[in-house]
Amino acid sequence: MDVVDFDDYAERWSRAHGGYDVRSSRSTRAWLRVAHRLASPLARRRVPPTWVTAVGGVGAVAVTGVAALGGRWPLLAAALVVVVALLDGVDGALAEMTDSTTAWGRVLDQLVDRIGDVAMVVGLWALGAPGPVCAAAAVLTVLDESIRSSASAAGLTEVGLVAVAERPVRLLLGGLALAAAGAVPSAAMPIVTAGAALWAFLSLLATVQLVVNVRRRLRGRPRDLPRTEDQGEVGEEPSGHQ
């Protein structure tokens, strides 16, 4: 199977992300190159993107179990976080390169991402981070992504919904906390406590950012009501029973 070159892939990625110009960000362009290079062999072998997503989900869940072993094991958990982060980019790149993007694939990708976020937080809790702090980090993360999804459904592009606690930031924060806890087991508890607290704080800031940004951009827009098979024009009452 012929594989699209990087420029073609970057153009497809840009269209899928609201026309974002990848040339405006070196880090974004560098990340896309890594994703393209890793996804190319899989594209040649026609590996379904959902397989990559599923493997990433398994790796995300494994982070919790490995971290809970304590001692030096959190170092391996941190390595798994890196693998999960790479797979998170590869599945999307593979879908774009093989023209196999689907609505279900997008939902599955989001589901696995949230599982990964929660798994990292649980891993920090297993190493001694306070439960309330970890719960706040997890709940705020899910809340932030819920706000983002709702705003996207209302017509805002993902690029316009960037906040301080994006998933790459969470992966970096969780991975570093786990790595540090594994490198210095005797100080694991204060390390993961600091990591969880910073995660929760950044997620809270992100919540405020998203609410303010979404309200500002959607304020005054009319609500678009979806049309179903039981409805006529938008705004009409359904023809069938409730």
C-alpha atoms as a PDB file:
ATOM      1  CA  MET A   1       0.000   0.000   0.000  1.00  0.00           C
ATOM      2  CA  ASP A   2       1.299   3.464  -0.944  1.00  0.00           C
ATOM      3  CA  VAL A   3       1.725   5.734   2.062  1.00  0.00           C
ATOM      4  CA  VAL A   4       1.044   9.462   1.890  1.00  0.00           C
ATOM      5  CA  ASP A   5       4.080  11.668   2.374  1.00  0.00           C
ATOM      6  CA  PHE A   6       4.483  13.986   5.334  1.00  0.00           C
ATOM      7  CA  ASP A   7       3.267  17.134   3.586  1.00  0.00           C
ATOM      8  CA  ASP A   8       0.050  15.412   2.505  1.00  0.00           C
ATOM      9  CA  TYR A   9      -0.480  14.058   6.005  1.00  0.00           C
ATOM     10  CA  ALA A  10       0.164  17.480   7.558  1.00  0.00           C
ATOM     11  CA  GLU A  11      -2.409  19.021   5.223  1.00  0.00           C
ATOM     12  CA  ARG A  12      -4.990  16.390   6.180  1.00  0.00           C
ATOM     13  CA  TRP A  13      -4.259  16.929   9.864  1.00  0.00           C
ATOM     14  CA  SER A  14      -4.659  20.671   9.402  1.00  0.00           C
ATOM     15  CA  ARG A  15      -8.071  20.264   7.761  1.00  0.00           C
ATOM     16  CA  ALA A  16      -9.184  17.969  10.576  1.00  0.00           C
ATOM     17  CA  HIS A  17      -8.138  20.568  13.161  1.00  0.00           C
ATOM     18  CA  GLY A  18      -9.939  23.632  11.887  1.00  0.00           C
ATOM     19  CA  GLY A  19      -7.340  24.721   9.344  1.00  0.00           C
ATOM     20  CA  TYR A  20      -4.529  25.065  11.887  1.00  0.00           C
ATOM     21  CA  ASP A  21      -1.270  26.065  10.170  1.00  0.00           C
ATOM     22  CA  VAL A  22       1.312  23.511  11.311  1.00  0.00           C
ATOM     23  CA  ARG A  23       4.087  25.766  10.008  1.00  0.00           C
ATOM     24  CA  SER A  24       3.303  28.205  12.811  1.00  0.00           C
ATOM     25  CA  SER A  25       4.505  25.783  15.490  1.00  0.00           C
ATOM     26  CA  ARG A  26       7.790  23.899  15.372  1.00  0.00           C
ATOM     27  CA  SER A  27       6.755  21.605  18.204  1.00  0.00           C
ATOM     28  CA  THR A  28       3.515  20.634  16.456  1.00  0.00           C
ATOM     29  CA  ARG A  29       5.320  20.010  13.181  1.00  0.00           C
ATOM     30  CA  ALA A  30       7.995  17.946  14.951  1.00  0.00           C
ATOM     31  CA  TRP A  31       5.340  15.853  16.715  1.00  0.00           C
ATOM     32  CA  LEU A  32       3.507  15.259  13.452  1.00  0.00           C
ATOM     33  CA  ARG A  33       6.754  14.068  11.859  1.00  0.00           C
ATOM     34  CA  VAL A  34       7.245  11.557  14.667  1.00  0.00           C
ATOM     35  CA  ALA A  35       3.649  10.334  14.354  1.00  0.00           C
ATOM     36  CA  HIS A  36       3.961  10.060  10.562  1.00  0.00           C
ATOM     37  CA  ARG A  37       7.194   8.098  10.781  1.00  0.00           C
ATOM     38  CA  LEU A  38       5.808   5.652  13.343  1.00  0.00           C
ATOM     39  CA  ALA A  39       2.496   5.234  11.530  1.00  0.00           C
ATOM     40  CA  SER A  40       3.958   4.691   8.044  1.00  0.00           C
ATOM     41  CA  PRO A  41       4.969   1.011   8.535  1.00  0.00           C
ATOM     42  CA  LEU A  42       1.561   0.263  10.033  1.00  0.00           C
ATOM     43  CA  ALA A  43      -0.177   1.976   7.123  1.00  0.00           C
ATOM     44  CA  ARG A  44       1.738  -0.180   4.638  1.00  0.00           C
ATOM     45  CA  ARG A  45       0.525  -3.289   6.454  1.00  0.00           C
ATOM     46  CA  ARG A  46      -3.054  -1.963   6.643  1.00  0.00           C
ATOM     47  CA  VAL A  47      -3.180  -2.160  10.442  1.00  0.00           C
ATOM     48  CA  PRO A  48      -6.554  -0.753  11.605  1.00  0.00           C
ATOM     49  CA  PRO A  49      -6.198   2.434  13.681  1.00  0.00           C
ATOM     50  CA  THR A  50      -8.591   1.015  16.285  1.00  0.00           C
ATOM     51  CA  TRP A  51      -6.071  -1.746  17.013  1.00  0.00           C
ATOM     52  CA  VAL A  52      -3.477   0.878  17.899  1.00  0.00           C
ATOM     53  CA  THR A  53      -6.023   2.707  20.042  1.00  0.00           C
ATOM     54  CA  ALA A  54      -6.895  -0.523  21.860  1.00  0.00           C
ATOM     55  CA  VAL A  55      -3.234  -1.306  22.561  1.00  0.00           C
ATOM     56  CA  GLY A  56      -2.858   2.198  23.951  1.00  0.00           C
ATOM     57  CA  GLY A  57      -5.829   1.561  26.233  1.00  0.00           C
ATOM     58  CA  VAL A  58      -4.266  -1.625  27.573  1.00  0.00           C
ATOM     59  CA  GLY A  59      -1.009   0.221  28.185  1.00  0.00           C
ATOM     60  CA  ALA A  60      -2.847   3.007  29.986  1.00  0.00           C
ATOM     61  CA  VAL A  61      -4.538   0.571  32.363  1.00  0.00           C
ATOM     62  CA  ALA A  62      -1.205  -1.179  32.944  1.00  0.00           C
ATOM     63  CA  VAL A  63       0.261   2.091  34.232  1.00  0.00           C
ATOM     64  CA  THR A  64      -1.845   1.821  37.386  1.00  0.00           C
ATOM     65  CA  GLY A  65      -0.935  -1.793  38.113  1.00  0.00           C
ATOM     66  CA  VAL A  66       2.778  -1.299  37.535  1.00  0.00           C
ATOM     67  CA  ALA A  67       2.941   1.910  39.582  1.00  0.00           C
ATOM     68  CA  ALA A  68       1.122   0.238  42.488  1.00  0.00           C
ATOM     69  CA  LEU A  69       4.007  -2.232  42.868  1.00  0.00           C
ATOM     70  CA  GLY A  70       6.092   0.578  44.342  1.00  0.00           C
ATOM     71  CA  GLY A  71       9.855   0.550  44.654  1.00  0.00           C
ATOM     72  CA  ARG A  72      11.493   1.064  41.269  1.00  0.00           C
ATOM     73  CA  TRP A  73       8.436  -0.098  39.353  1.00  0.00           C
ATOM     74  CA  PRO A  74       7.081   3.434  38.813  1.00  0.00           C
ATOM     75  CA  LEU A  75      10.002   3.921  36.409  1.00  0.00           C
ATOM     76  CA  LEU A  76       8.449   1.276  34.175  1.00  0.00           C
ATOM     77  CA  ALA A  77       5.061   2.928  34.642  1.00  0.00           C
ATOM     78  CA  ALA A  78       6.595   6.195  33.424  1.00  0.00           C
ATOM     79  CA  ALA A  79       7.981   4.382  30.377  1.00  0.00           C
ATOM     80  CA  LEU A  80       4.493   3.045  29.691  1.00  0.00           C
ATOM     81  CA  VAL A  81       3.172   6.607  29.807  1.00  0.00           C
ATOM     82  CA  VAL A  82       5.629   7.499  27.028  1.00  0.00           C
ATOM     83  CA  VAL A  83       4.446   4.529  24.958  1.00  0.00           C
ATOM     84  CA  VAL A  84       0.800   5.468  25.510  1.00  0.00           C
ATOM     85  CA  ALA A  85       1.554   9.057  24.465  1.00  0.00           C
ATOM     86  CA  LEU A  86       3.177   7.859  21.234  1.00  0.00           C
ATOM     87  CA  LEU A  87       0.309   5.501  20.436  1.00  0.00           C
ATOM     88  CA  ASP A  88      -2.138   8.334  21.079  1.00  0.00           C
ATOM     89  CA  GLY A  89      -0.588  10.193  18.164  1.00  0.00           C
ATOM     90  CA  VAL A  90       0.029   7.182  15.949  1.00  0.00           C
ATOM     91  CA  ASP A  91      -3.586   5.997  15.819  1.00  0.00           C
ATOM     92  CA  GLY A  92      -4.786   9.387  14.622  1.00  0.00           C
ATOM     93  CA  ALA A  93      -1.975   9.641  12.084  1.00  0.00           C
ATOM     94  CA  LEU A  94      -2.735   6.146  10.831  1.00  0.00           C
ATOM     95  CA  ALA A  95      -6.408   6.997  10.394  1.00  0.00           C
ATOM     96  CA  GLU A  96      -5.596  10.161   8.429  1.00  0.00           C
ATOM     97  CA  MET A  97      -2.989   8.446   6.258  1.00  0.00           C
ATOM     98  CA  THR A  98      -5.274   5.550   5.331  1.00  0.00           C
ATOM     99  CA  ASP A  99      -8.495   7.569   4.951  1.00  0.00           C
ATOM    100  CA  SER A 100     -10.082   5.450   7.669  1.00  0.00           C
ATOM    101  CA  THR A 101     -11.245   8.124  10.090  1.00  0.00           C
ATOM    102  CA  THR A 102     -14.647   7.277  11.544  1.00  0.00           C
ATOM    103  CA  ALA A 103     -16.987   8.751  14.132  1.00  0.00           C
ATOM    104  CA  TRP A 104     -16.611   5.600  16.237  1.00  0.00           C
ATOM    105  CA  GLY A 105     -12.832   5.834  16.039  1.00  0.00           C
ATOM    106  CA  ARG A 106     -12.991   9.354  17.399  1.00  0.00           C
ATOM    107  CA  VAL A 107     -15.236   8.282  20.274  1.00  0.00           C
ATOM    108  CA  LEU A 108     -12.983   5.313  21.054  1.00  0.00           C
ATOM    109  CA  ASP A 109      -9.910   7.531  21.006  1.00  0.00           C
ATOM    110  CA  GLN A 110     -11.505   9.957  23.467  1.00  0.00           C
ATOM    111  CA  LEU A 111     -12.604   7.088  25.703  1.00  0.00           C
ATOM    112  CA  VAL A 112      -9.118   5.596  25.811  1.00  0.00           C
ATOM    113  CA  ASP A 113      -7.617   9.023  26.510  1.00  0.00           C
ATOM    114  CA  ARG A 114      -9.880   9.482  29.533  1.00  0.00           C
ATOM    115  CA  ILE A 115      -9.052   5.970  30.756  1.00  0.00           C
ATOM    116  CA  GLY A 116      -5.390   6.881  30.458  1.00  0.00           C
ATOM    117  CA  ASP A 117      -5.832  10.109  32.407  1.00  0.00           C
ATOM    118  CA  VAL A 118      -7.679   8.380  35.234  1.00  0.00           C
ATOM    119  CA  ALA A 119      -5.200   5.482  35.249  1.00  0.00           C
ATOM    120  CA  MET A 120      -2.292   7.867  35.791  1.00  0.00           C
ATOM    121  CA  VAL A 121      -4.092   9.621  38.633  1.00  0.00           C
ATOM    122  CA  VAL A 122      -4.915   6.275  40.250  1.00  0.00           C
ATOM    123  CA  GLY A 123      -1.250   5.351  39.892  1.00  0.00           C
ATOM    124  CA  LEU A 124      -0.278   8.482  41.815  1.00  0.00           C
ATOM    125  CA  TRP A 125      -2.854   7.631  44.477  1.00  0.00           C
ATOM    126  CA  ALA A 126      -1.485   4.091  44.770  1.00  0.00           C
ATOM    127  CA  LEU A 127       1.932   5.558  45.532  1.00  0.00           C
ATOM    128  CA  GLY A 128       0.596   7.727  48.366  1.00  0.00           C
ATOM    129  CA  ALA A 129      -0.970  10.861  46.901  1.00  0.00           C
ATOM    130  CA  PRO A 130      -4.030  11.985  48.945  1.00  0.00           C
ATOM    131  CA  GLY A 131      -7.325  10.584  47.700  1.00  0.00           C
ATOM    132  CA  PRO A 132      -9.203  13.924  47.674  1.00  0.00           C
ATOM    133  CA  VAL A 133      -6.447  15.579  45.630  1.00  0.00           C
ATOM    134  CA  CYS A 134      -6.395  12.710  43.136  1.00  0.00           C
ATOM    135  CA  ALA A 135     -10.181  12.715  42.922  1.00  0.00           C
ATOM    136  CA  ALA A 136     -10.149  16.449  42.210  1.00  0.00           C
ATOM    137  CA  ALA A 137      -7.535  15.984  39.481  1.00  0.00           C
ATOM    138  CA  ALA A 138      -9.529  13.208  37.822  1.00  0.00           C
ATOM    139  CA  VAL A 139     -12.912  14.941  38.059  1.00  0.00           C
ATOM    140  CA  LEU A 140     -11.584  18.269  36.789  1.00  0.00           C
ATOM    141  CA  THR A 141      -9.840  16.542  33.886  1.00  0.00           C
ATOM    142  CA  VAL A 142     -13.035  14.790  32.822  1.00  0.00           C
ATOM    143  CA  LEU A 143     -14.964  18.059  33.305  1.00  0.00           C
ATOM    144  CA  ASP A 144     -12.516  19.965  31.106  1.00  0.00           C
ATOM    145  CA  GLU A 145     -12.806  17.431  28.314  1.00  0.00           C
ATOM    146  CA  SER A 146     -16.591  17.437  28.655  1.00  0.00           C
ATOM    147  CA  ILE A 147     -16.630  21.223  28.213  1.00  0.00           C
ATOM    148  CA  ARG A 148     -14.363  20.882  25.196  1.00  0.00           C
ATOM    149  CA  SER A 149     -16.558  18.208  23.605  1.00  0.00           C
ATOM    150  CA  SER A 150     -19.724  20.229  24.175  1.00  0.00           C
ATOM    151  CA  ALA A 151     -18.113  23.330  22.695  1.00  0.00           C
ATOM    152  CA  SER A 152     -16.900  21.368  19.669  1.00  0.00           C
ATOM    153  CA  ALA A 153     -20.417  20.025  19.153  1.00  0.00           C
ATOM    154  CA  ALA A 154     -21.634  23.634  19.257  1.00  0.00           C
ATOM    155  CA  GLY A 155     -19.312  24.558  16.403  1.00  0.00           C
ATOM    156  CA  LEU A 156     -16.018  25.631  17.959  1.00  0.00           C
ATOM    157  CA  THR A 157     -12.806  24.141  16.596  1.00  0.00           C
ATOM    158  CA  GLU A 158     -10.450  22.147  18.804  1.00  0.00           C
ATOM    159  CA  VAL A 159      -7.578  24.529  18.130  1.00  0.00           C
ATOM    160  CA  GLY A 160      -9.631  27.353  19.620  1.00  0.00           C
ATOM    161  CA  LEU A 161     -10.134  25.404  22.842  1.00  0.00           C
ATOM    162  CA  VAL A 162      -6.561  25.121  24.054  1.00  0.00           C
ATOM    163  CA  ALA A 163      -6.073  25.394  27.822  1.00  0.00           C
ATOM    164  CA  VAL A 164      -3.218  25.169  30.298  1.00  0.00           C
ATOM    165  CA  ALA A 165      -3.798  21.489  31.162  1.00  0.00           C
ATOM    166  CA  GLU A 166      -3.882  19.881  27.712  1.00  0.00           C
ATOM    167  CA  ARG A 167      -3.363  16.134  27.465  1.00  0.00           C
ATOM    168  CA  PRO A 168       0.352  16.438  26.550  1.00  0.00           C
ATOM    169  CA  VAL A 169       0.839  18.489  29.722  1.00  0.00           C
ATOM    170  CA  ARG A 170      -0.980  15.863  31.784  1.00  0.00           C
ATOM    171  CA  LEU A 171       1.068  13.059  30.243  1.00  0.00           C
ATOM    172  CA  LEU A 172       4.283  14.949  30.940  1.00  0.00           C
ATOM    173  CA  LEU A 173       3.270  15.766  34.504  1.00  0.00           C
ATOM    174  CA  GLY A 174       2.099  12.242  35.322  1.00  0.00           C
ATOM    175  CA  GLY A 175       5.091  10.635  33.635  1.00  0.00           C
ATOM    176  CA  LEU A 176       7.599  12.847  35.440  1.00  0.00           C
ATOM    177  CA  ALA A 177       5.940  12.261  38.818  1.00  0.00           C
ATOM    178  CA  LEU A 178       6.022   8.497  38.307  1.00  0.00           C
ATOM    179  CA  ALA A 179       9.624   8.567  37.083  1.00  0.00           C
ATOM    180  CA  ALA A 180      10.758  10.661  40.044  1.00  0.00           C
ATOM    181  CA  ALA A 181       8.905   8.391  42.479  1.00  0.00           C
ATOM    182  CA  GLY A 182      10.620   5.367  40.959  1.00  0.00           C
ATOM    183  CA  ALA A 183      14.026   7.035  40.995  1.00  0.00           C
ATOM    184  CA  VAL A 184      13.701   7.991  44.683  1.00  0.00           C
ATOM    185  CA  PRO A 185      11.356   5.430  46.297  1.00  0.00           C
ATOM    186  CA  SER A 186      11.934   6.847  49.783  1.00  0.00           C
ATOM    187  CA  ALA A 187      10.408  10.158  48.676  1.00  0.00           C
ATOM    188  CA  ALA A 188       7.661   8.687  46.516  1.00  0.00           C
ATOM    189  CA  MET A 189       4.786   9.963  48.662  1.00  0.00           C
ATOM    190  CA  PRO A 190       5.703  13.685  48.665  1.00  0.00           C
ATOM    191  CA  ILE A 191       6.663  13.491  44.987  1.00  0.00           C
ATOM    192  CA  VAL A 192       3.361  12.032  43.809  1.00  0.00           C
ATOM    193  CA  THR A 193       1.446  14.316  46.184  1.00  0.00           C
ATOM    194  CA  ALA A 194       3.077  17.336  44.562  1.00  0.00           C
ATOM    195  CA  GLY A 195       2.391  15.891  41.117  1.00  0.00           C
ATOM    196  CA  ALA A 196      -1.279  15.245  41.857  1.00  0.00           C
ATOM    197  CA  ALA A 197      -1.717  18.677  43.458  1.00  0.00           C
ATOM    198  CA  LEU A 198      -0.164  20.429  40.463  1.00  0.00           C
ATOM    199  CA  TRP A 199      -2.342  18.368  38.118  1.00  0.00           C
ATOM    200  CA  ALA A 200      -5.481  19.354  40.036  1.00  0.00           C
ATOM    201  CA  PHE A 201      -4.458  23.022  40.149  1.00  0.00           C
ATOM    202  CA  LEU A 202      -3.714  23.216  36.420  1.00  0.00           C
ATOM    203  CA  SER A 203      -6.963  21.407  35.639  1.00  0.00           C
ATOM    204  CA  LEU A 204      -8.871  23.936  37.734  1.00  0.00           C
ATOM    205  CA  LEU A 205      -7.218  26.772  35.825  1.00  0.00           C
ATOM    206  CA  ALA A 206      -8.107  24.991  32.586  1.00  0.00           C
ATOM    207  CA  THR A 207     -11.742  24.769  33.671  1.00  0.00           C
ATOM    208  CA  VAL A 208     -11.860  28.523  34.200  1.00  0.00           C
ATOM    209  CA  GLN A 209     -10.072  29.151  30.897  1.00  0.00           C
ATOM    210  CA  LEU A 210     -12.428  26.932  28.947  1.00  0.00           C
ATOM    211  CA  VAL A 211     -15.613  28.305  30.510  1.00  0.00           C
ATOM    212  CA  VAL A 212     -14.545  31.923  29.906  1.00  0.00           C
ATOM    213  CA  ASN A 213     -13.321  31.229  26.364  1.00  0.00           C
ATOM    214  CA  VAL A 214     -16.331  29.150  25.342  1.00  0.00           C
ATOM    215  CA  ARG A 215     -18.804  31.654  26.808  1.00  0.00           C
ATOM    216  CA  ARG A 216     -17.095  34.537  25.015  1.00  0.00           C
ATOM    217  CA  ARG A 217     -17.055  32.770  21.649  1.00  0.00           C
ATOM    218  CA  LEU A 218     -20.538  31.287  21.826  1.00  0.00           C
ATOM    219  CA  ARG A 219     -22.305  34.221  23.449  1.00  0.00           C
ATOM    220  CA  GLY A 220     -25.099  35.456  21.226  1.00  0.00           C
ATOM    221  CA  ARG A 221     -25.037  32.485  18.888  1.00  0.00           C
ATOM    222  CA  PRO A 222     -28.432  30.881  18.261  1.00  0.00           C
ATOM    223  CA  ARG A 223     -28.872  27.340  19.437  1.00  0.00           C
ATOM    224  CA  ASP A 224     -28.857  24.866  16.540  1.00  0.00           C
ATOM    225  CA  LEU A 225     -31.389  22.125  17.187  1.00  0.00           C
ATOM    226  CA  PRO A 226     -30.554  18.801  15.513  1.00  0.00           C
ATOM    227  CA  ARG A 227     -33.043  17.386  13.053  1.00  0.00           C
ATOM    228  CA  THR A 228     -34.174  13.799  13.524  1.00  0.00           C
ATOM    229  CA  GLU A 229     -36.219  11.399  11.436  1.00  0.00           C
ATOM    230  CA  ASP A 230     -39.293  12.245  13.517  1.00  0.00           C
ATOM    231  CA  GLN A 231     -38.887  15.993  13.000  1.00  0.00           C
ATOM    232  CA  GLY A 232     -39.612  18.274  10.119  1.00  0.00           C
ATOM    233  CA  GLU A 233     -37.834  21.601   9.946  1.00  0.00           C
ATOM    234  CA  VAL A 234     -35.681  22.611  12.885  1.00  0.00           C
ATOM    235  CA  GLY A 235     -37.837  23.858  15.735  1.00  0.00           C
ATOM    236  CA  GLU A 236     -40.954  21.878  14.799  1.00  0.00           C
ATOM    237  CA  GLU A 237     -42.488  19.480  17.281  1.00  0.00           C
ATOM    238  CA  PRO A 238     -41.813  15.764  16.684  1.00  0.00           C
ATOM    239  CA  SER A 239     -44.495  14.004  14.698  1.00  0.00           C
ATOM    240  CA  GLY A 240     -44.411  10.918  16.925  1.00  0.00           C
ATOM    241  CA  HIS A 241     -44.731  10.421  20.660  1.00  0.00           C
ATOM    242  CA  GLN A 242     -42.067  11.498  23.108  1.00  0.00           C
END
